[in-house]
Amino acid sequence: MAKHHIYTMSFAKVYSCYIAKVEKKGRTKAEVDEIICWLTGYDEEALAAILEQETDFETFFAEAPQLNPARTLVKGVVCGVRVEDIEEPTMREIRYLDKLIDELAKGKAMEKILRG
């Protein structure tokens, strides 16, 4: 079975969409970065390098320093699919991130988004 095209898409390209989405709702790039770092274990410097190198989504998650164990607490529907029901590991990680960004755009408190 062929891989979904999102796997080979540049993380930087989608990142700019995340920023645009949340800024329209009065949230910030810093909050997006905090979510990404919480989820993946990347620090600000590593995230900047990934964006500059236009790393693809699959590599972005495969090389994540420390996927947050609390990410499995992320539940709900993204793109019509329940996040917790996605079996393919990389797609599930992508959808966790999508769901967290959606929560930020909807005005949810950062403490709740980060499952604190």
C-alpha atoms as a PDB file:
ATOM      1  CA  MET A   1       0.000   0.000   0.000  1.00  0.00           C
ATOM      2  CA  ALA A   2       1.332   3.450  -0.922  1.00  0.00           C
ATOM      3  CA  LYS A   3       2.173   5.923   1.822  1.00  0.00           C
ATOM      4  CA  HIS A   4      -0.090   8.900   2.343  1.00  0.00           C
ATOM      5  CA  HIS A   5       1.305  12.036   0.672  1.00  0.00           C
ATOM      6  CA  ILE A   6       1.460  13.881   4.027  1.00  0.00           C
ATOM      7  CA  TYR A   7       4.459  11.709   5.007  1.00  0.00           C
ATOM      8  CA  THR A   8       6.629  13.248   2.315  1.00  0.00           C
ATOM      9  CA  MET A   9       5.275  16.778   2.750  1.00  0.00           C
ATOM     10  CA  SER A  10       7.603  19.351   4.278  1.00  0.00           C
ATOM     11  CA  PHE A  11       6.837  19.930   7.939  1.00  0.00           C
ATOM     12  CA  ALA A  12       7.633  23.621   7.351  1.00  0.00           C
ATOM     13  CA  LYS A  13       4.815  23.903   4.829  1.00  0.00           C
ATOM     14  CA  VAL A  14       2.205  22.564   7.253  1.00  0.00           C
ATOM     15  CA  TYR A  15       3.758  24.505  10.150  1.00  0.00           C
ATOM     16  CA  SER A  16       3.043  27.780   8.358  1.00  0.00           C
ATOM     17  CA  CYS A  17      -0.601  26.666   8.018  1.00  0.00           C
ATOM     18  CA  TYR A  18      -0.739  25.897  11.751  1.00  0.00           C
ATOM     19  CA  ILE A  19       0.583  29.389  12.529  1.00  0.00           C
ATOM     20  CA  ALA A  20      -1.927  31.066  10.191  1.00  0.00           C
ATOM     21  CA  LYS A  21      -4.799  29.052  11.669  1.00  0.00           C
ATOM     22  CA  VAL A  22      -4.088  29.959  15.283  1.00  0.00           C
ATOM     23  CA  GLU A  23      -3.148  33.591  14.636  1.00  0.00           C
ATOM     24  CA  LYS A  24      -6.546  34.107  12.982  1.00  0.00           C
ATOM     25  CA  LYS A  25      -8.038  33.098  16.324  1.00  0.00           C
ATOM     26  CA  GLY A  26      -5.788  35.363  18.411  1.00  0.00           C
ATOM     27  CA  ARG A  27      -3.267  32.722  19.483  1.00  0.00           C
ATOM     28  CA  THR A  28       0.488  32.843  18.846  1.00  0.00           C
ATOM     29  CA  LYS A  29       3.369  31.158  17.062  1.00  0.00           C
ATOM     30  CA  ALA A  30       5.025  30.733  20.485  1.00  0.00           C
ATOM     31  CA  GLU A  31       2.051  28.639  21.619  1.00  0.00           C
ATOM     32  CA  VAL A  32       2.280  26.462  18.492  1.00  0.00           C
ATOM     33  CA  ASP A  33       5.988  25.966  19.169  1.00  0.00           C
ATOM     34  CA  GLU A  34       5.260  25.058  22.793  1.00  0.00           C
ATOM     35  CA  ILE A  35       2.756  22.418  21.672  1.00  0.00           C
ATOM     36  CA  ILE A  36       5.189  20.956  19.123  1.00  0.00           C
ATOM     37  CA  CYS A  37       8.030  20.833  21.643  1.00  0.00           C
ATOM     38  CA  TRP A  38       5.755  19.278  24.292  1.00  0.00           C
ATOM     39  CA  LEU A  39       4.561  16.609  21.852  1.00  0.00           C
ATOM     40  CA  THR A  40       7.908  15.699  20.292  1.00  0.00           C
ATOM     41  CA  GLY A  41      10.694  16.626  22.685  1.00  0.00           C
ATOM     42  CA  TYR A  42      12.342  18.929  20.140  1.00  0.00           C
ATOM     43  CA  ASP A  43      13.695  22.169  21.560  1.00  0.00           C
ATOM     44  CA  GLU A  44      13.370  25.568  19.861  1.00  0.00           C
ATOM     45  CA  GLU A  45      16.766  25.250  18.174  1.00  0.00           C
ATOM     46  CA  ALA A  46      16.043  21.796  16.752  1.00  0.00           C
ATOM     47  CA  LEU A  47      12.600  22.928  15.594  1.00  0.00           C
ATOM     48  CA  ALA A  48      14.149  25.898  13.778  1.00  0.00           C
ATOM     49  CA  ALA A  49      16.619  23.555  12.040  1.00  0.00           C
ATOM     50  CA  ILE A  50      13.802  21.222  10.948  1.00  0.00           C
ATOM     51  CA  LEU A  51      11.894  24.137   9.479  1.00  0.00           C
ATOM     52  CA  GLU A  52      14.980  25.429   7.678  1.00  0.00           C
ATOM     53  CA  GLN A  53      15.864  21.994   6.260  1.00  0.00           C
ATOM     54  CA  GLU A  54      12.252  21.378   5.194  1.00  0.00           C
ATOM     55  CA  THR A  55      12.255  17.979   6.884  1.00  0.00           C
ATOM     56  CA  ASP A  56       9.336  15.783   5.839  1.00  0.00           C
ATOM     57  CA  PHE A  57       6.610  14.758   8.288  1.00  0.00           C
ATOM     58  CA  GLU A  58       7.680  11.121   8.472  1.00  0.00           C
ATOM     59  CA  THR A  59      11.272  12.049   9.383  1.00  0.00           C
ATOM     60  CA  PHE A  60      10.051  14.763  11.767  1.00  0.00           C
ATOM     61  CA  PHE A  61       8.245  12.180  13.891  1.00  0.00           C
ATOM     62  CA  ALA A  62      10.728   9.321  13.344  1.00  0.00           C
ATOM     63  CA  GLU A  63      13.564  11.484  14.702  1.00  0.00           C
ATOM     64  CA  ALA A  64      11.595  13.140  17.519  1.00  0.00           C
ATOM     65  CA  PRO A  65      13.801  13.080  20.624  1.00  0.00           C
ATOM     66  CA  GLN A  66      11.076  12.111  23.102  1.00  0.00           C
ATOM     67  CA  LEU A  67       7.439  11.659  22.155  1.00  0.00           C
ATOM     68  CA  ASN A  68       5.435  12.760  25.187  1.00  0.00           C
ATOM     69  CA  PRO A  69       3.745   9.779  26.845  1.00  0.00           C
ATOM     70  CA  ALA A  70       0.764  12.021  27.730  1.00  0.00           C
ATOM     71  CA  ARG A  71      -0.010  12.397  24.000  1.00  0.00           C
ATOM     72  CA  THR A  72      -2.107   9.234  24.243  1.00  0.00           C
ATOM     73  CA  LEU A  73      -4.558  11.280  26.345  1.00  0.00           C
ATOM     74  CA  VAL A  74      -5.400  13.275  23.193  1.00  0.00           C
ATOM     75  CA  LYS A  75      -8.826  12.112  22.071  1.00  0.00           C
ATOM     76  CA  GLY A  76     -11.380  13.306  19.570  1.00  0.00           C
ATOM     77  CA  VAL A  77     -12.049  13.703  15.884  1.00  0.00           C
ATOM     78  CA  VAL A  78      -9.715  15.227  13.301  1.00  0.00           C
ATOM     79  CA  CYS A  79     -10.589  15.183   9.616  1.00  0.00           C
ATOM     80  CA  GLY A  80     -13.560  12.949  10.403  1.00  0.00           C
ATOM     81  CA  VAL A  81     -11.465  10.266  12.098  1.00  0.00           C
ATOM     82  CA  ARG A  82     -11.119   9.522  15.802  1.00  0.00           C
ATOM     83  CA  VAL A  83      -7.463  10.102  16.716  1.00  0.00           C
ATOM     84  CA  GLU A  84      -7.386   7.242  19.200  1.00  0.00           C
ATOM     85  CA  ASP A  85      -8.610   4.787  16.528  1.00  0.00           C
ATOM     86  CA  ILE A  86      -5.808   5.462  14.023  1.00  0.00           C
ATOM     87  CA  GLU A  87      -3.654   2.337  13.842  1.00  0.00           C
ATOM     88  CA  GLU A  88      -0.761   3.539  11.664  1.00  0.00           C
ATOM     89  CA  PRO A  89       1.734   5.055  14.157  1.00  0.00           C
ATOM     90  CA  THR A  90       3.046   7.961  12.069  1.00  0.00           C
ATOM     91  CA  MET A  91      -0.423   9.037  10.968  1.00  0.00           C
ATOM     92  CA  ARG A  92      -1.595   8.886  14.580  1.00  0.00           C
ATOM     93  CA  GLU A  93       1.275  11.193  15.629  1.00  0.00           C
ATOM     94  CA  ILE A  94       0.387  13.635  12.830  1.00  0.00           C
ATOM     95  CA  ARG A  95      -3.252  13.638  13.911  1.00  0.00           C
ATOM     96  CA  TYR A  96      -2.310  14.155  17.572  1.00  0.00           C
ATOM     97  CA  LEU A  97      -0.540  17.320  16.477  1.00  0.00           C
ATOM     98  CA  ASP A  98      -3.486  18.380  14.298  1.00  0.00           C
ATOM     99  CA  LYS A  99      -5.863  17.888  17.227  1.00  0.00           C
ATOM    100  CA  LEU A 100      -3.669  19.906  19.603  1.00  0.00           C
ATOM    101  CA  ILE A 101      -3.492  22.768  17.083  1.00  0.00           C
ATOM    102  CA  ASP A 102      -7.294  22.607  16.660  1.00  0.00           C
ATOM    103  CA  GLU A 103      -7.716  22.874  20.431  1.00  0.00           C
ATOM    104  CA  LEU A 104      -5.422  25.921  20.501  1.00  0.00           C
ATOM    105  CA  ALA A 105      -7.360  27.587  17.674  1.00  0.00           C
ATOM    106  CA  LYS A 106     -10.628  26.911  19.504  1.00  0.00           C
ATOM    107  CA  GLY A 107      -9.385  28.850  22.534  1.00  0.00           C
ATOM    108  CA  LYS A 108      -8.690  25.980  24.905  1.00  0.00           C
ATOM    109  CA  ALA A 109      -6.347  26.832  27.791  1.00  0.00           C
ATOM    110  CA  MET A 110      -2.733  25.786  27.226  1.00  0.00           C
ATOM    111  CA  GLU A 111      -2.683  23.788  30.476  1.00  0.00           C
ATOM    112  CA  LYS A 112      -5.559  21.634  29.191  1.00  0.00           C
ATOM    113  CA  ILE A 113      -4.051  21.305  25.702  1.00  0.00           C
ATOM    114  CA  LEU A 114      -0.807  20.012  27.217  1.00  0.00           C
ATOM    115  CA  ARG A 115      -2.815  17.612  29.370  1.00  0.00           C
ATOM    116  CA  GLY A 116      -1.462  19.286  32.529  1.00  0.00           C
END
